[in-house]
Amino acid sequence: DLLRWSPQDAQAMRTSLLYADTLLDAGSTGEAAAQYQAAAARDVQHPLAAEAAYAAVQAWQTLARETKGGEREDALRQSVAASLFLADRFPAHAQWLRAVGVASGNLHDLGEHREAIALAQRGLGHAPDTAQRVELLDVAASSSLALNDYAGAEAALTALVQADAASRARNVERLALAVYRQGEAARAASDLRAAAEQF
């Protein structure tokens, strides 16, 4: 009732978060996620707004893990939207890069590969940590391969081979495929010199 009648009350944000926490504890994950997101959007200047925004991302991710089929897809799309909201409105948030990485992976899983690449590249501009770079490069490489963008895949995989020793063998194979496919394309276009260089 407080939220309905006094949305601008000084305690409204705390009340919203407590309500969302209660929904989450009760197993109403989707409702909790929506409540966190609404709280963050209602007053982005509030000191707790960034916390609410990230709580929404986490809740949507939890719902995606708990569900299947169309409901899972909806949760992933909501998670992407919540992650982009956080990324755009709270660039200094401690979990900014984590949210961007999760969203780029979600976009890849949803088959929205161009969007996944663009978001991964955005994250790479702010990713000094090797593990974070590996996650983002893998999304960029996988989505580039899915789009038959072999030059883009080659660039991402070259960086990935250098950054990720643990998966080096797998990524070298994918890199070889990306280079070979470019050779095939050049041969099909009768550019035999470029084909020879790629092969």
C-alpha atoms as a PDB file:
ATOM      1  CA  ASP A   1       0.000   0.000   0.000  1.00  0.00           C
ATOM      2  CA  LEU A   2       2.835   2.401   0.820  1.00  0.00           C
ATOM      3  CA  LEU A   3       4.313   1.887  -2.659  1.00  0.00           C
ATOM      4  CA  ARG A   4       0.934   2.457  -4.335  1.00  0.00           C
ATOM      5  CA  TRP A   5      -0.043   5.599  -2.441  1.00  0.00           C
ATOM      6  CA  SER A   6       3.363   7.186  -1.774  1.00  0.00           C
ATOM      7  CA  PRO A   7       5.783   6.170  -4.552  1.00  0.00           C
ATOM      8  CA  GLN A   8       7.946   9.245  -3.876  1.00  0.00           C
ATOM      9  CA  ASP A   9       8.112   8.693  -0.124  1.00  0.00           C
ATOM     10  CA  ALA A  10      11.662   8.920   1.241  1.00  0.00           C
ATOM     11  CA  GLN A  11      11.476   5.290   2.319  1.00  0.00           C
ATOM     12  CA  ALA A  12       9.879   4.034  -0.905  1.00  0.00           C
ATOM     13  CA  MET A  13      13.115   2.611  -2.323  1.00  0.00           C
ATOM     14  CA  ARG A  14      13.917   0.664   0.836  1.00  0.00           C
ATOM     15  CA  THR A  15      10.336  -0.547   1.010  1.00  0.00           C
ATOM     16  CA  SER A  16      10.482  -1.632  -2.640  1.00  0.00           C
ATOM     17  CA  LEU A  17      13.671  -3.585  -2.055  1.00  0.00           C
ATOM     18  CA  LEU A  18      12.316  -5.244   1.071  1.00  0.00           C
ATOM     19  CA  TYR A  19       9.176  -6.206  -0.839  1.00  0.00           C
ATOM     20  CA  ALA A  20      11.258  -7.602  -3.704  1.00  0.00           C
ATOM     21  CA  ASP A  21      13.415  -9.539  -1.243  1.00  0.00           C
ATOM     22  CA  THR A  22      10.260 -11.016   0.297  1.00  0.00           C
ATOM     23  CA  LEU A  23       8.955 -12.049  -3.123  1.00  0.00           C
ATOM     24  CA  LEU A  24      12.286 -13.661  -3.926  1.00  0.00           C
ATOM     25  CA  ASP A  25      12.345 -15.568  -0.641  1.00  0.00           C
ATOM     26  CA  ALA A  26       8.800 -16.768  -1.333  1.00  0.00           C
ATOM     27  CA  GLY A  27       9.839 -18.188  -4.698  1.00  0.00           C
ATOM     28  CA  SER A  28       8.136 -15.514  -6.800  1.00  0.00           C
ATOM     29  CA  THR A  29      11.329 -14.870  -8.738  1.00  0.00           C
ATOM     30  CA  GLY A  30       9.795 -13.145 -11.749  1.00  0.00           C
ATOM     31  CA  GLU A  31       7.731 -10.791  -9.612  1.00  0.00           C
ATOM     32  CA  ALA A  32      10.796 -10.014  -7.507  1.00  0.00           C
ATOM     33  CA  ALA A  33      12.867  -9.262 -10.594  1.00  0.00           C
ATOM     34  CA  ALA A  34      10.191  -6.913 -11.935  1.00  0.00           C
ATOM     35  CA  GLN A  35       9.960  -5.188  -8.542  1.00  0.00           C
ATOM     36  CA  TYR A  36      13.742  -4.656  -8.348  1.00  0.00           C
ATOM     37  CA  GLN A  37      13.750  -3.292 -11.884  1.00  0.00           C
ATOM     38  CA  ALA A  38      10.826  -0.945 -11.252  1.00  0.00           C
ATOM     39  CA  ALA A  39      12.499   0.366  -8.095  1.00  0.00           C
ATOM     40  CA  ALA A  40      15.735   1.131  -9.949  1.00  0.00           C
ATOM     41  CA  ALA A  41      13.922   2.856 -12.820  1.00  0.00           C
ATOM     42  CA  ARG A  42      11.669   4.912 -10.540  1.00  0.00           C
ATOM     43  CA  ASP A  43      14.552   6.910  -9.021  1.00  0.00           C
ATOM     44  CA  VAL A  44      17.932   6.348 -10.677  1.00  0.00           C
ATOM     45  CA  GLN A  45      19.486   9.046  -8.469  1.00  0.00           C
ATOM     46  CA  HIS A  46      18.704   7.164  -5.273  1.00  0.00           C
ATOM     47  CA  PRO A  47      21.792   5.697  -3.533  1.00  0.00           C
ATOM     48  CA  LEU A  48      20.195   2.219  -3.655  1.00  0.00           C
ATOM     49  CA  ALA A  49      19.093   2.377  -7.297  1.00  0.00           C
ATOM     50  CA  ALA A  50      22.234   0.694  -8.623  1.00  0.00           C
ATOM     51  CA  GLU A  51      21.841  -2.097  -6.073  1.00  0.00           C
ATOM     52  CA  ALA A  52      18.253  -2.581  -7.202  1.00  0.00           C
ATOM     53  CA  ALA A  53      19.307  -2.662 -10.861  1.00  0.00           C
ATOM     54  CA  TYR A  54      21.864  -5.408 -10.267  1.00  0.00           C
ATOM     55  CA  ALA A  55      19.429  -7.359  -8.080  1.00  0.00           C
ATOM     56  CA  ALA A  56      17.051  -7.359 -11.066  1.00  0.00           C
ATOM     57  CA  VAL A  57      19.756  -8.848 -13.302  1.00  0.00           C
ATOM     58  CA  GLN A  58      20.468 -11.566 -10.755  1.00  0.00           C
ATOM     59  CA  ALA A  59      16.787 -12.387 -10.272  1.00  0.00           C
ATOM     60  CA  TRP A  60      16.126 -12.676 -14.021  1.00  0.00           C
ATOM     61  CA  GLN A  61      19.162 -14.945 -14.329  1.00  0.00           C
ATOM     62  CA  THR A  62      17.836 -17.104 -11.508  1.00  0.00           C
ATOM     63  CA  LEU A  63      14.469 -17.356 -13.254  1.00  0.00           C
ATOM     64  CA  ALA A  64      16.188 -18.346 -16.514  1.00  0.00           C
ATOM     65  CA  ARG A  65      17.940 -21.200 -14.690  1.00  0.00           C
ATOM     66  CA  GLU A  66      14.688 -22.327 -13.090  1.00  0.00           C
ATOM     67  CA  THR A  67      12.588 -22.406 -16.263  1.00  0.00           C
ATOM     68  CA  LYS A  68      12.583 -23.908 -19.748  1.00  0.00           C
ATOM     69  CA  GLY A  69      11.308 -23.170 -23.227  1.00  0.00           C
ATOM     70  CA  GLY A  70       9.542 -19.908 -23.896  1.00  0.00           C
ATOM     71  CA  GLU A  71       9.528 -18.878 -20.250  1.00  0.00           C
ATOM     72  CA  ARG A  72      13.306 -19.235 -20.102  1.00  0.00           C
ATOM     73  CA  GLU A  73      13.684 -17.202 -23.299  1.00  0.00           C
ATOM     74  CA  ASP A  74      11.514 -14.451 -21.844  1.00  0.00           C
ATOM     75  CA  ALA A  75      13.623 -14.415 -18.669  1.00  0.00           C
ATOM     76  CA  LEU A  76      16.829 -14.153 -20.722  1.00  0.00           C
ATOM     77  CA  ARG A  77      15.412 -11.223 -22.688  1.00  0.00           C
ATOM     78  CA  GLN A  78      14.389  -9.520 -19.462  1.00  0.00           C
ATOM     79  CA  SER A  79      17.864 -10.142 -18.075  1.00  0.00           C
ATOM     80  CA  VAL A  80      19.440  -8.550 -21.155  1.00  0.00           C
ATOM     81  CA  ALA A  81      17.181  -5.504 -20.795  1.00  0.00           C
ATOM     82  CA  ALA A  82      18.016  -5.208 -17.090  1.00  0.00           C
ATOM     83  CA  SER A  83      21.743  -5.587 -17.807  1.00  0.00           C
ATOM     84  CA  LEU A  84      21.653  -2.885 -20.483  1.00  0.00           C
ATOM     85  CA  PHE A  85      19.754  -0.601 -18.102  1.00  0.00           C
ATOM     86  CA  LEU A  86      22.464  -1.107 -15.490  1.00  0.00           C
ATOM     87  CA  ALA A  87      25.250  -0.644 -18.045  1.00  0.00           C
ATOM     88  CA  ASP A  88      23.774   2.594 -19.389  1.00  0.00           C
ATOM     89  CA  ARG A  89      22.629   4.182 -16.129  1.00  0.00           C
ATOM     90  CA  PHE A  90      25.281   2.964 -13.671  1.00  0.00           C
ATOM     91  CA  PRO A  91      28.634   2.791 -15.517  1.00  0.00           C
ATOM     92  CA  ALA A  92      30.577   2.936 -12.235  1.00  0.00           C
ATOM     93  CA  HIS A  93      28.805  -0.080 -10.719  1.00  0.00           C
ATOM     94  CA  ALA A  94      31.214  -2.701  -9.384  1.00  0.00           C
ATOM     95  CA  GLN A  95      29.367  -5.423 -11.312  1.00  0.00           C
ATOM     96  CA  TRP A  96      29.086  -3.452 -14.572  1.00  0.00           C
ATOM     97  CA  LEU A  97      31.374  -5.746 -16.517  1.00  0.00           C
ATOM     98  CA  ARG A  98      29.775  -8.873 -15.089  1.00  0.00           C
ATOM     99  CA  ALA A  99      26.348  -7.666 -16.201  1.00  0.00           C
ATOM    100  CA  VAL A 100      27.640  -6.862 -19.702  1.00  0.00           C
ATOM    101  CA  GLY A 101      29.299 -10.282 -19.957  1.00  0.00           C
ATOM    102  CA  VAL A 102      26.159 -12.095 -18.860  1.00  0.00           C
ATOM    103  CA  ALA A 103      24.010 -10.110 -21.303  1.00  0.00           C
ATOM    104  CA  SER A 104      26.332 -10.757 -24.241  1.00  0.00           C
ATOM    105  CA  GLY A 105      26.219 -14.474 -23.468  1.00  0.00           C
ATOM    106  CA  ASN A 106      22.426 -14.347 -23.217  1.00  0.00           C
ATOM    107  CA  LEU A 107      22.198 -12.647 -26.603  1.00  0.00           C
ATOM    108  CA  HIS A 108      24.384 -15.365 -28.100  1.00  0.00           C
ATOM    109  CA  ASP A 109      22.133 -18.046 -26.593  1.00  0.00           C
ATOM    110  CA  LEU A 110      19.095 -16.256 -28.031  1.00  0.00           C
ATOM    111  CA  GLY A 111      20.661 -16.291 -31.488  1.00  0.00           C
ATOM    112  CA  GLU A 112      21.018 -12.503 -31.604  1.00  0.00           C
ATOM    113  CA  HIS A 113      24.631 -12.705 -32.679  1.00  0.00           C
ATOM    114  CA  ARG A 114      25.241  -9.199 -34.000  1.00  0.00           C
ATOM    115  CA  GLU A 115      23.960  -7.717 -30.759  1.00  0.00           C
ATOM    116  CA  ALA A 116      26.040 -10.218 -28.774  1.00  0.00           C
ATOM    117  CA  ILE A 117      29.209  -9.186 -30.629  1.00  0.00           C
ATOM    118  CA  ALA A 118      28.529  -5.480 -30.200  1.00  0.00           C
ATOM    119  CA  LEU A 119      27.965  -5.872 -26.457  1.00  0.00           C
ATOM    120  CA  ALA A 120      31.005  -8.131 -26.041  1.00  0.00           C
ATOM    121  CA  GLN A 121      33.146  -5.521 -27.795  1.00  0.00           C
ATOM    122  CA  ARG A 122      31.732  -2.849 -25.508  1.00  0.00           C
ATOM    123  CA  GLY A 123      32.754  -4.933 -22.528  1.00  0.00           C
ATOM    124  CA  LEU A 124      36.223  -5.614 -23.929  1.00  0.00           C
ATOM    125  CA  GLY A 125      36.914  -1.902 -23.780  1.00  0.00           C
ATOM    126  CA  HIS A 126      36.586  -2.153 -19.987  1.00  0.00           C
ATOM    127  CA  ALA A 127      37.966  -5.630 -19.261  1.00  0.00           C
ATOM    128  CA  PRO A 128      41.470  -5.660 -17.788  1.00  0.00           C
ATOM    129  CA  ASP A 129      40.903  -9.008 -16.068  1.00  0.00           C
ATOM    130  CA  THR A 130      41.977 -12.028 -18.130  1.00  0.00           C
ATOM    131  CA  ALA A 131      39.019 -14.222 -17.152  1.00  0.00           C
ATOM    132  CA  GLN A 132      36.572 -11.486 -18.118  1.00  0.00           C
ATOM    133  CA  ARG A 133      38.329 -10.920 -21.441  1.00  0.00           C
ATOM    134  CA  VAL A 134      38.228 -14.645 -22.194  1.00  0.00           C
ATOM    135  CA  GLU A 135      34.473 -14.769 -21.550  1.00  0.00           C
ATOM    136  CA  LEU A 136      33.794 -11.799 -23.827  1.00  0.00           C
ATOM    137  CA  LEU A 137      36.175 -12.944 -26.575  1.00  0.00           C
ATOM    138  CA  ASP A 138      34.543 -16.369 -26.596  1.00  0.00           C
ATOM    139  CA  VAL A 139      31.114 -14.800 -27.126  1.00  0.00           C
ATOM    140  CA  ALA A 140      32.490 -12.616 -29.937  1.00  0.00           C
ATOM    141  CA  ALA A 141      34.188 -15.587 -31.590  1.00  0.00           C
ATOM    142  CA  SER A 142      31.214 -17.942 -31.283  1.00  0.00           C
ATOM    143  CA  SER A 143      28.743 -15.372 -32.573  1.00  0.00           C
ATOM    144  CA  SER A 144      31.057 -14.419 -35.456  1.00  0.00           C
ATOM    145  CA  LEU A 145      31.291 -18.072 -36.474  1.00  0.00           C
ATOM    146  CA  ALA A 146      27.505 -18.393 -36.256  1.00  0.00           C
ATOM    147  CA  LEU A 147      27.213 -15.447 -38.667  1.00  0.00           C
ATOM    148  CA  ASN A 148      29.889 -16.885 -40.988  1.00  0.00           C
ATOM    149  CA  ASP A 149      31.906 -13.756 -40.248  1.00  0.00           C
ATOM    150  CA  TYR A 150      35.203 -15.580 -40.436  1.00  0.00           C
ATOM    151  CA  ALA A 151      37.383 -12.471 -40.405  1.00  0.00           C
ATOM    152  CA  GLY A 152      35.690 -11.320 -37.199  1.00  0.00           C
ATOM    153  CA  ALA A 153      36.047 -14.802 -35.750  1.00  0.00           C
ATOM    154  CA  GLU A 154      39.742 -14.859 -36.662  1.00  0.00           C
ATOM    155  CA  ALA A 155      40.359 -11.591 -34.822  1.00  0.00           C
ATOM    156  CA  ALA A 156      38.525 -12.739 -31.687  1.00  0.00           C
ATOM    157  CA  LEU A 157      40.085 -16.205 -31.716  1.00  0.00           C
ATOM    158  CA  THR A 158      43.604 -14.870 -32.225  1.00  0.00           C
ATOM    159  CA  ALA A 159      43.197 -12.811 -29.060  1.00  0.00           C
ATOM    160  CA  LEU A 160      41.518 -15.741 -27.307  1.00  0.00           C
ATOM    161  CA  VAL A 161      44.364 -18.147 -28.091  1.00  0.00           C
ATOM    162  CA  GLN A 162      46.775 -15.677 -26.522  1.00  0.00           C
ATOM    163  CA  ALA A 163      44.617 -15.086 -23.450  1.00  0.00           C
ATOM    164  CA  ASP A 164      43.318 -18.572 -22.624  1.00  0.00           C
ATOM    165  CA  ALA A 165      45.962 -21.265 -22.287  1.00  0.00           C
ATOM    166  CA  ALA A 166      43.479 -23.745 -20.786  1.00  0.00           C
ATOM    167  CA  SER A 167      41.367 -23.885 -23.956  1.00  0.00           C
ATOM    168  CA  ARG A 168      44.179 -23.279 -26.409  1.00  0.00           C
ATOM    169  CA  ALA A 169      43.780 -26.510 -28.403  1.00  0.00           C
ATOM    170  CA  ARG A 170      40.051 -25.977 -28.976  1.00  0.00           C
ATOM    171  CA  ASN A 171      40.514 -22.351 -29.926  1.00  0.00           C
ATOM    172  CA  VAL A 172      43.404 -23.103 -32.299  1.00  0.00           C
ATOM    173  CA  GLU A 173      41.081 -25.523 -34.116  1.00  0.00           C
ATOM    174  CA  ARG A 174      38.384 -22.875 -34.364  1.00  0.00           C
ATOM    175  CA  LEU A 175      40.958 -20.332 -35.532  1.00  0.00           C
ATOM    176  CA  ALA A 176      42.172 -22.700 -38.245  1.00  0.00           C
ATOM    177  CA  LEU A 177      38.575 -23.182 -39.401  1.00  0.00           C
ATOM    178  CA  ALA A 178      37.999 -19.414 -39.568  1.00  0.00           C
ATOM    179  CA  VAL A 179      41.141 -18.901 -41.658  1.00  0.00           C
ATOM    180  CA  TYR A 180      40.335 -21.849 -43.931  1.00  0.00           C
ATOM    181  CA  ARG A 181      36.801 -20.593 -44.569  1.00  0.00           C
ATOM    182  CA  GLN A 182      38.231 -17.235 -45.620  1.00  0.00           C
ATOM    183  CA  GLY A 183      40.455 -19.095 -48.088  1.00  0.00           C
ATOM    184  CA  GLU A 184      37.430 -20.904 -49.488  1.00  0.00           C
ATOM    185  CA  ALA A 185      35.580 -17.623 -49.901  1.00  0.00           C
ATOM    186  CA  ALA A 186      38.528 -16.044 -51.683  1.00  0.00           C
ATOM    187  CA  ARG A 187      38.806 -19.051 -54.003  1.00  0.00           C
ATOM    188  CA  ALA A 188      35.096 -18.876 -54.781  1.00  0.00           C
ATOM    189  CA  ALA A 189      35.586 -15.202 -55.688  1.00  0.00           C
ATOM    190  CA  SER A 190      38.506 -16.179 -57.976  1.00  0.00           C
ATOM    191  CA  ASP A 191      40.980 -14.301 -55.751  1.00  0.00           C
ATOM    192  CA  LEU A 192      43.546 -17.087 -55.930  1.00  0.00           C
ATOM    193  CA  ARG A 193      46.380 -15.076 -54.368  1.00  0.00           C
ATOM    194  CA  ALA A 194      44.315 -14.321 -51.245  1.00  0.00           C
ATOM    195  CA  ALA A 195      43.085 -17.921 -51.166  1.00  0.00           C
ATOM    196  CA  ALA A 196      46.642 -19.220 -51.267  1.00  0.00           C
ATOM    197  CA  GLU A 197      47.663 -16.920 -48.450  1.00  0.00           C
ATOM    198  CA  GLN A 198      44.770 -18.077 -46.284  1.00  0.00           C
ATOM    199  CA  PHE A 199      45.334 -21.767 -47.023  1.00  0.00           C
END
